[in-house]
Amino acid sequence: MTNSTKTRNLDQYGNAALQWATARDLLDKESATVNVPFFLNTVRPDGRPHTVGIGAVWFEDALYFVSGPGTRKSRNLAENPACTISVRLTGMDLVLEGDAHRVTDEATLDRVAARYREEAGWPAQREGQAFTAPYTAPSGGPPPWYLYRISLRAAHAVATVAPGGATRWTFS
């Protein structure tokens, strides 16, 4: 995902910086479960924000999510790929910041579809350069669904358990 990671401790109470490896491991372990809500924030063409719940999976050191091509989130990303994704993980609130781009590589689509099937219980199948399934989230739009990968620029975390902490990571 990244060549280097810069860590900035944001904690005002003297707690140590949180570790990116901890956030990454939590994403890997918890992202494909139904009880972990992710929220995608995009920018409308007029500059207003748009936020929607999504199902996401952390896979091969990247975060992926799906969206129907006619949905507001997909139309926003087509015009401006800048976005944030927020999630509450065990012991940590995390915001990922970057650019989301559509994935069309069929080998990657096949691997991510398998992760959705095996880990999240969503029966996604690759059809061409998109996914199909008997169902998706109510806000997903009709099939086919595009797969997006977020290229991270930064992440922010706040610990929700003792000893606490707040950290910003930037990636290059």
Protein backbone atom coordinates (compact mmCIF):
# COMPACT_ATOMS: atom_id res chain seq x y z
CA MET A 1 0.00 0.00 0.00
CA THR A 2 2.63 2.51 1.01
CA ASN A 3 6.35 3.02 0.69
CA SER A 4 6.62 4.95 3.94
CA THR A 5 4.40 5.91 6.83
CA LYS A 6 4.81 9.10 8.85
CA THR A 7 3.26 9.02 12.33
CA ARG A 8 2.13 12.13 14.20
CA ASN A 9 0.97 11.77 17.78
CA LEU A 10 -2.13 13.95 18.30
CA ASP A 11 -2.77 12.92 21.91
CA GLN A 12 -2.84 15.89 24.28
CA TYR A 13 -2.65 13.76 27.45
CA GLY A 14 0.78 12.20 26.97
CA ASN A 15 -0.32 8.81 25.64
CA ALA A 16 1.92 7.10 23.13
CA ALA A 17 1.11 7.25 19.43
CA LEU A 18 -1.12 4.47 18.17
CA GLN A 19 0.48 1.99 15.80
CA TRP A 20 -0.61 1.78 12.15
CA ALA A 21 0.01 -1.99 12.34
CA THR A 22 -2.72 -2.21 15.01
CA ALA A 23 -5.21 -0.31 12.84
CA ARG A 24 -4.30 -2.40 9.79
CA ASP A 25 -4.68 -5.66 11.74
CA LEU A 26 -8.08 -4.59 13.06
CA LEU A 27 -9.21 -3.69 9.53
CA ASP A 28 -8.07 -7.10 8.29
CA LYS A 29 -9.80 -8.96 11.12
CA GLU A 30 -13.03 -6.97 11.44
CA SER A 31 -13.81 -5.35 8.07
CA ALA A 32 -15.63 -8.26 6.51
CA THR A 33 -18.03 -8.72 9.41
CA VAL A 34 -21.60 -7.47 9.24
CA ASN A 35 -21.37 -5.77 12.62
CA VAL A 36 -18.71 -3.25 11.52
CA PRO A 37 -20.33 -0.20 9.90
CA PHE A 38 -18.30 1.80 7.39
CA PHE A 39 -19.32 5.25 6.16
CA LEU A 40 -18.12 6.64 2.84
CA ASN A 41 -17.93 10.42 2.48
CA THR A 42 -17.72 11.84 -1.04
CA VAL A 43 -18.13 15.30 -2.55
CA ARG A 44 -21.07 16.21 -4.79
CA PRO A 45 -20.39 18.22 -7.96
CA ASP A 46 -21.68 21.36 -6.19
CA GLY A 47 -19.19 20.84 -3.33
CA ARG A 48 -21.66 19.57 -0.74
CA PRO A 49 -20.74 16.42 1.19
CA HIS A 50 -22.47 13.08 0.70
CA THR A 51 -22.25 10.31 3.30
CA VAL A 52 -23.54 6.76 3.00
CA GLY A 53 -23.07 3.46 4.80
CA ILE A 54 -21.13 0.84 2.84
CA GLY A 55 -19.87 -2.70 3.21
CA ALA A 56 -16.10 -2.75 2.95
CA VAL A 57 -13.31 -5.29 3.18
CA TRP A 58 -9.63 -4.83 3.93
CA PHE A 59 -7.77 -7.18 1.62
CA GLU A 60 -4.18 -7.38 0.44
CA ASP A 61 -3.32 -4.18 2.35
CA ALA A 62 -6.09 -2.06 0.80
CA LEU A 63 -9.73 -1.18 1.50
CA TYR A 64 -12.35 -2.15 -1.10
CA PHE A 65 -16.06 -1.40 -1.37
CA VAL A 66 -18.79 -1.76 -4.00
CA SER A 67 -21.30 0.63 -5.48
CA GLY A 68 -23.77 0.61 -8.34
CA PRO A 69 -22.76 2.84 -11.25
CA GLY A 70 -25.90 4.98 -11.02
CA THR A 71 -25.66 5.71 -7.30
CA ARG A 72 -24.79 9.16 -6.01
CA LYS A 73 -21.55 7.86 -4.47
CA SER A 74 -20.36 6.36 -7.76
CA ARG A 75 -21.29 9.48 -9.71
CA ASN A 76 -19.45 11.61 -7.13
CA LEU A 77 -16.34 9.43 -7.32
CA ALA A 78 -16.37 9.57 -11.13
CA GLU A 79 -16.08 13.38 -10.92
CA ASN A 80 -13.85 13.59 -7.84
CA PRO A 81 -12.20 10.48 -6.37
CA ALA A 82 -11.34 12.22 -3.07
CA CYS A 83 -13.13 10.59 -0.16
CA THR A 84 -12.96 9.53 3.45
CA ILE A 85 -14.14 6.30 5.01
CA SER A 86 -14.98 6.16 8.72
CA VAL A 87 -15.28 3.02 10.83
CA ARG A 88 -15.50 2.01 14.49
CA LEU A 89 -13.22 -0.93 15.19
CA THR A 90 -12.61 -2.69 18.49
CA GLY A 91 -10.92 -0.08 20.65
CA MET A 92 -10.41 2.44 17.86
CA ASP A 93 -12.34 4.93 15.75
CA LEU A 94 -10.61 5.25 12.38
CA VAL A 95 -10.94 7.63 9.43
CA LEU A 96 -9.21 6.71 6.16
CA GLU A 97 -8.53 9.52 3.68
CA GLY A 98 -7.60 9.07 0.03
CA ASP A 99 -8.84 8.58 -3.50
CA ALA A 100 -11.21 5.80 -4.58
CA HIS A 101 -10.80 4.34 -8.04
CA ARG A 102 -12.73 1.64 -9.81
CA VAL A 103 -11.04 -1.75 -10.05
CA THR A 104 -11.33 -3.45 -13.43
CA ASP A 105 -8.53 -6.03 -13.17
CA GLU A 106 -10.35 -9.37 -13.34
CA ALA A 107 -7.85 -11.25 -11.15
CA THR A 108 -8.27 -8.65 -8.38
CA LEU A 109 -12.04 -8.72 -8.82
CA ASP A 110 -12.01 -12.52 -8.43
CA ARG A 111 -9.87 -12.38 -5.25
CA VAL A 112 -11.98 -9.65 -3.63
CA ALA A 113 -15.24 -11.41 -4.57
CA ALA A 114 -13.88 -14.53 -2.85
CA ARG A 115 -13.11 -12.47 0.27
CA TYR A 116 -16.66 -11.09 0.29
CA ARG A 117 -18.06 -14.63 -0.07
CA GLU A 118 -15.80 -16.35 2.46
CA GLU A 119 -15.48 -13.66 5.12
CA ALA A 120 -18.57 -11.44 4.81
CA GLY A 121 -21.10 -14.01 3.60
CA TRP A 122 -22.07 -11.90 0.57
CA PRO A 123 -22.33 -14.19 -2.50
CA ALA A 124 -20.56 -11.83 -4.92
CA GLN A 125 -19.46 -13.15 -8.31
CA ARG A 126 -17.41 -11.40 -10.94
CA GLU A 127 -19.27 -10.75 -14.16
CA GLY A 128 -16.96 -8.97 -16.59
CA GLN A 129 -15.47 -6.02 -14.73
CA ALA A 130 -18.10 -5.80 -11.99
CA PHE A 131 -19.89 -7.88 -9.36
CA THR A 132 -23.31 -9.47 -9.31
CA ALA A 133 -25.16 -11.26 -6.52
CA PRO A 134 -28.74 -12.12 -5.61
CA TYR A 135 -28.80 -9.06 -3.30
CA THR A 136 -26.77 -6.16 -1.91
CA ALA A 137 -27.29 -3.31 0.53
CA PRO A 138 -30.52 -1.35 0.00
CA SER A 139 -28.51 1.71 -1.10
CA GLY A 140 -26.28 -0.24 -3.51
CA GLY A 141 -28.40 0.27 -6.60
CA PRO A 142 -29.19 -2.50 -9.08
CA PRO A 143 -26.47 -4.86 -10.36
CA PRO A 144 -23.85 -4.87 -11.65
CA TRP A 145 -21.81 -3.27 -8.87
CA TYR A 146 -18.44 -1.65 -9.40
CA LEU A 147 -15.56 -2.44 -7.07
CA TYR A 148 -13.55 0.50 -5.73
CA ARG A 149 -10.17 0.57 -4.01
CA ILE A 150 -9.12 3.49 -1.86
CA SER A 151 -5.52 4.67 -2.25
CA LEU A 152 -4.69 5.99 1.18
CA ARG A 153 -3.09 9.39 1.73
CA ALA A 154 -3.72 9.60 5.46
CA ALA A 155 -5.54 7.99 8.37
CA HIS A 156 -6.62 9.30 11.77
CA ALA A 157 -7.39 7.20 14.82
CA VAL A 158 -8.69 7.82 18.30
CA ALA A 159 -8.45 5.02 20.84
CA THR A 160 -11.75 4.21 22.53
CA VAL A 161 -10.17 2.15 25.33
CA ALA A 162 -7.49 2.83 27.93
CA PRO A 163 -4.81 4.00 27.83
CA GLY A 164 -6.17 6.12 24.97
CA GLY A 165 -4.38 7.95 22.23
CA ALA A 166 -4.91 9.88 19.03
CA THR A 167 -2.72 9.56 15.96
CA ARG A 168 -2.46 10.69 12.33
CA TRP A 169 -0.58 8.66 9.76
CA THR A 170 0.40 9.97 6.35
CA PHE A 171 1.41 7.62 3.56
CA SER A 172 3.62 8.11 0.55
